[in-house]
Amino acid sequence: MKADESFFERVYEVARLVPYGRVTSYGAIANYLGIGGSARMVGWAMNKAHTPLQNVPAHRVVNRNGQLTGKHHFGGEEVMQQLLESEGIEVANDCIVNFKKLFWDPAKELE
């Protein structure tokens, strides 16, 4: 296993814990993993998480402002939004409505 695969798996483990109907951010996952400032690396991991074998709810991971910045990695411009809306999460203009209320911080929730 390559080093990045190990890192990606750690990211996926955290992403799999994001509850249905909640969202987190790339930066929150990075902070939880002890690599604060590495949100972009978490984003790279999420971009590779779209295979059935991964079973990662990558649609629940957005940027720090609640924007659907990774939406183009879901095989269609509307797929990420549709997945979020199927969980009762409202999206407007590619942004999570009530982002702060729906935000799940692994550093707080998993400690």
C-alpha atoms as a PDB file:
ATOM      1  CA  MET A   1       0.000   0.000   0.000  1.00  0.00           C
ATOM      2  CA  LYS A   2       1.374   3.417  -0.971  1.00  0.00           C
ATOM      3  CA  ALA A   3       1.563   6.188   1.622  1.00  0.00           C
ATOM      4  CA  ASP A   4      -1.203   8.193  -0.063  1.00  0.00           C
ATOM      5  CA  GLU A   5      -3.486   5.153  -0.020  1.00  0.00           C
ATOM      6  CA  SER A   6      -3.034   4.928   3.738  1.00  0.00           C
ATOM      7  CA  PHE A   7      -3.807   8.637   4.094  1.00  0.00           C
ATOM      8  CA  PHE A   8      -6.815   8.327   1.798  1.00  0.00           C
ATOM      9  CA  GLU A   9      -8.155   5.428   3.862  1.00  0.00           C
ATOM     10  CA  ARG A  10      -7.859   7.498   7.064  1.00  0.00           C
ATOM     11  CA  VAL A  11      -9.832  10.266   5.356  1.00  0.00           C
ATOM     12  CA  TYR A  12     -12.444   7.759   4.189  1.00  0.00           C
ATOM     13  CA  GLU A  13     -12.802   6.323   7.697  1.00  0.00           C
ATOM     14  CA  VAL A  14     -13.706   9.767   9.027  1.00  0.00           C
ATOM     15  CA  ALA A  15     -15.996  10.576   6.084  1.00  0.00           C
ATOM     16  CA  ARG A  16     -17.897   7.324   6.651  1.00  0.00           C
ATOM     17  CA  LEU A  17     -18.745   8.552  10.158  1.00  0.00           C
ATOM     18  CA  VAL A  18     -20.507  11.715   8.993  1.00  0.00           C
ATOM     19  CA  PRO A  19     -24.132  11.109   9.968  1.00  0.00           C
ATOM     20  CA  TYR A  20     -26.954  10.968   7.449  1.00  0.00           C
ATOM     21  CA  GLY A  21     -28.370  14.469   6.983  1.00  0.00           C
ATOM     22  CA  ARG A  22     -25.189  16.219   8.207  1.00  0.00           C
ATOM     23  CA  VAL A  23     -22.118  17.627   6.468  1.00  0.00           C
ATOM     24  CA  THR A  24     -18.501  18.323   7.293  1.00  0.00           C
ATOM     25  CA  SER A  25     -15.647  20.104   5.560  1.00  0.00           C
ATOM     26  CA  TYR A  26     -12.332  19.104   4.081  1.00  0.00           C
ATOM     27  CA  GLY A  27     -10.574  21.236   6.686  1.00  0.00           C
ATOM     28  CA  ALA A  28     -12.470  19.694   9.599  1.00  0.00           C
ATOM     29  CA  ILE A  29     -11.351  16.231   8.504  1.00  0.00           C
ATOM     30  CA  ALA A  30      -7.765  17.453   8.079  1.00  0.00           C
ATOM     31  CA  ASN A  31      -7.799  19.012  11.555  1.00  0.00           C
ATOM     32  CA  TYR A  32      -9.193  15.833  13.090  1.00  0.00           C
ATOM     33  CA  LEU A  33      -6.436  13.791  11.440  1.00  0.00           C
ATOM     34  CA  GLY A  34      -3.810  16.145  12.837  1.00  0.00           C
ATOM     35  CA  ILE A  35      -2.848  17.686   9.534  1.00  0.00           C
ATOM     36  CA  GLY A  36      -4.492  21.090   9.850  1.00  0.00           C
ATOM     37  CA  GLY A  37      -3.966  23.249   6.799  1.00  0.00           C
ATOM     38  CA  SER A  38      -4.186  20.219   4.519  1.00  0.00           C
ATOM     39  CA  ALA A  39      -7.797  20.572   3.403  1.00  0.00           C
ATOM     40  CA  ARG A  40      -6.705  20.295  -0.230  1.00  0.00           C
ATOM     41  CA  MET A  41      -5.178  16.863   0.443  1.00  0.00           C
ATOM     42  CA  VAL A  42      -8.481  15.738   1.940  1.00  0.00           C
ATOM     43  CA  GLY A  43     -10.183  17.054  -1.193  1.00  0.00           C
ATOM     44  CA  TRP A  44      -7.882  14.948  -3.364  1.00  0.00           C
ATOM     45  CA  ALA A  45      -8.820  11.901  -1.307  1.00  0.00           C
ATOM     46  CA  MET A  46     -12.526  12.687  -1.677  1.00  0.00           C
ATOM     47  CA  ASN A  47     -12.096  13.037  -5.451  1.00  0.00           C
ATOM     48  CA  LYS A  48     -10.927   9.405  -5.531  1.00  0.00           C
ATOM     49  CA  ALA A  49     -13.741   8.147  -3.284  1.00  0.00           C
ATOM     50  CA  HIS A  50     -16.351   7.608  -5.975  1.00  0.00           C
ATOM     51  CA  THR A  51     -16.168   3.873  -6.454  1.00  0.00           C
ATOM     52  CA  PRO A  52     -18.638   1.356  -5.070  1.00  0.00           C
ATOM     53  CA  LEU A  53     -15.808  -0.396  -3.235  1.00  0.00           C
ATOM     54  CA  GLN A  54     -14.953   2.739  -1.271  1.00  0.00           C
ATOM     55  CA  ASN A  55     -18.504   3.194   0.108  1.00  0.00           C
ATOM     56  CA  VAL A  56     -17.693   6.764   1.165  1.00  0.00           C
ATOM     57  CA  PRO A  57     -20.466   9.369   1.465  1.00  0.00           C
ATOM     58  CA  ALA A  58     -18.258  11.977  -0.226  1.00  0.00           C
ATOM     59  CA  HIS A  59     -21.293  14.155  -0.946  1.00  0.00           C
ATOM     60  CA  ARG A  60     -21.357  15.030   2.774  1.00  0.00           C
ATOM     61  CA  VAL A  61     -17.932  16.696   2.577  1.00  0.00           C
ATOM     62  CA  VAL A  62     -17.936  20.289   1.332  1.00  0.00           C
ATOM     63  CA  ASN A  63     -15.693  23.314   1.625  1.00  0.00           C
ATOM     64  CA  ARG A  64     -15.453  25.503   4.741  1.00  0.00           C
ATOM     65  CA  ASN A  65     -18.228  27.778   3.479  1.00  0.00           C
ATOM     66  CA  GLY A  66     -20.643  24.956   2.707  1.00  0.00           C
ATOM     67  CA  GLN A  67     -20.090  25.148  -1.046  1.00  0.00           C
ATOM     68  CA  LEU A  68     -20.316  22.052  -3.229  1.00  0.00           C
ATOM     69  CA  THR A  69     -16.838  22.540  -4.654  1.00  0.00           C
ATOM     70  CA  GLY A  70     -16.375  18.838  -5.456  1.00  0.00           C
ATOM     71  CA  LYS A  71     -19.621  18.439  -7.379  1.00  0.00           C
ATOM     72  CA  HIS A  72     -17.933  17.856 -10.740  1.00  0.00           C
ATOM     73  CA  HIS A  73     -16.465  14.570  -9.423  1.00  0.00           C
ATOM     74  CA  PHE A  74     -19.878  12.918  -9.073  1.00  0.00           C
ATOM     75  CA  GLY A  75     -20.516  12.107 -12.731  1.00  0.00           C
ATOM     76  CA  GLY A  76     -22.931  14.987 -13.284  1.00  0.00           C
ATOM     77  CA  GLU A  77     -23.294  18.595 -12.177  1.00  0.00           C
ATOM     78  CA  GLU A  78     -26.419  17.898 -10.096  1.00  0.00           C
ATOM     79  CA  VAL A  79     -25.588  14.508  -8.554  1.00  0.00           C
ATOM     80  CA  MET A  80     -23.950  15.823  -5.369  1.00  0.00           C
ATOM     81  CA  GLN A  81     -26.844  18.193  -4.753  1.00  0.00           C
ATOM     82  CA  GLN A  82     -29.373  15.417  -5.403  1.00  0.00           C
ATOM     83  CA  LEU A  83     -27.627  13.124  -2.913  1.00  0.00           C
ATOM     84  CA  LEU A  84     -27.654  15.842  -0.253  1.00  0.00           C
ATOM     85  CA  GLU A  85     -31.288  16.715  -0.917  1.00  0.00           C
ATOM     86  CA  SER A  86     -32.234  13.027  -0.663  1.00  0.00           C
ATOM     87  CA  GLU A  87     -30.993  13.283   2.947  1.00  0.00           C
ATOM     88  CA  GLY A  88     -33.113  16.364   3.628  1.00  0.00           C
ATOM     89  CA  ILE A  89     -30.266  18.864   3.190  1.00  0.00           C
ATOM     90  CA  GLU A  90     -31.339  22.005   1.370  1.00  0.00           C
ATOM     91  CA  VAL A  91     -28.963  23.369  -1.253  1.00  0.00           C
ATOM     92  CA  ALA A  92     -29.230  26.761  -2.957  1.00  0.00           C
ATOM     93  CA  ASN A  93     -26.757  28.166  -5.473  1.00  0.00           C
ATOM     94  CA  ASP A  94     -24.353  25.269  -4.838  1.00  0.00           C
ATOM     95  CA  CYS A  95     -24.280  26.036  -1.098  1.00  0.00           C
ATOM     96  CA  ILE A  96     -25.651  24.172   1.911  1.00  0.00           C
ATOM     97  CA  VAL A  97     -28.507  26.126   3.466  1.00  0.00           C
ATOM     98  CA  ASN A  98     -28.117  26.252   7.274  1.00  0.00           C
ATOM     99  CA  PHE A  99     -24.545  25.005   6.931  1.00  0.00           C
ATOM    100  CA  LYS A 100     -23.554  25.915  10.497  1.00  0.00           C
ATOM    101  CA  LYS A 101     -26.554  24.054  11.906  1.00  0.00           C
ATOM    102  CA  LEU A 102     -25.854  20.936   9.828  1.00  0.00           C
ATOM    103  CA  PHE A 103     -22.076  21.023  10.290  1.00  0.00           C
ATOM    104  CA  TRP A 104     -20.570  17.919  11.904  1.00  0.00           C
ATOM    105  CA  ASP A 105     -17.120  18.493  13.399  1.00  0.00           C
ATOM    106  CA  PRO A 106     -15.256  15.209  13.910  1.00  0.00           C
ATOM    107  CA  ALA A 107     -12.929  16.866  16.453  1.00  0.00           C
ATOM    108  CA  LYS A 108     -15.943  17.537  18.686  1.00  0.00           C
ATOM    109  CA  GLU A 109     -18.152  14.598  17.811  1.00  0.00           C
ATOM    110  CA  LEU A 110     -15.538  11.842  17.976  1.00  0.00           C
ATOM    111  CA  GLU A 111     -13.623  12.907  21.070  1.00  0.00           C
END
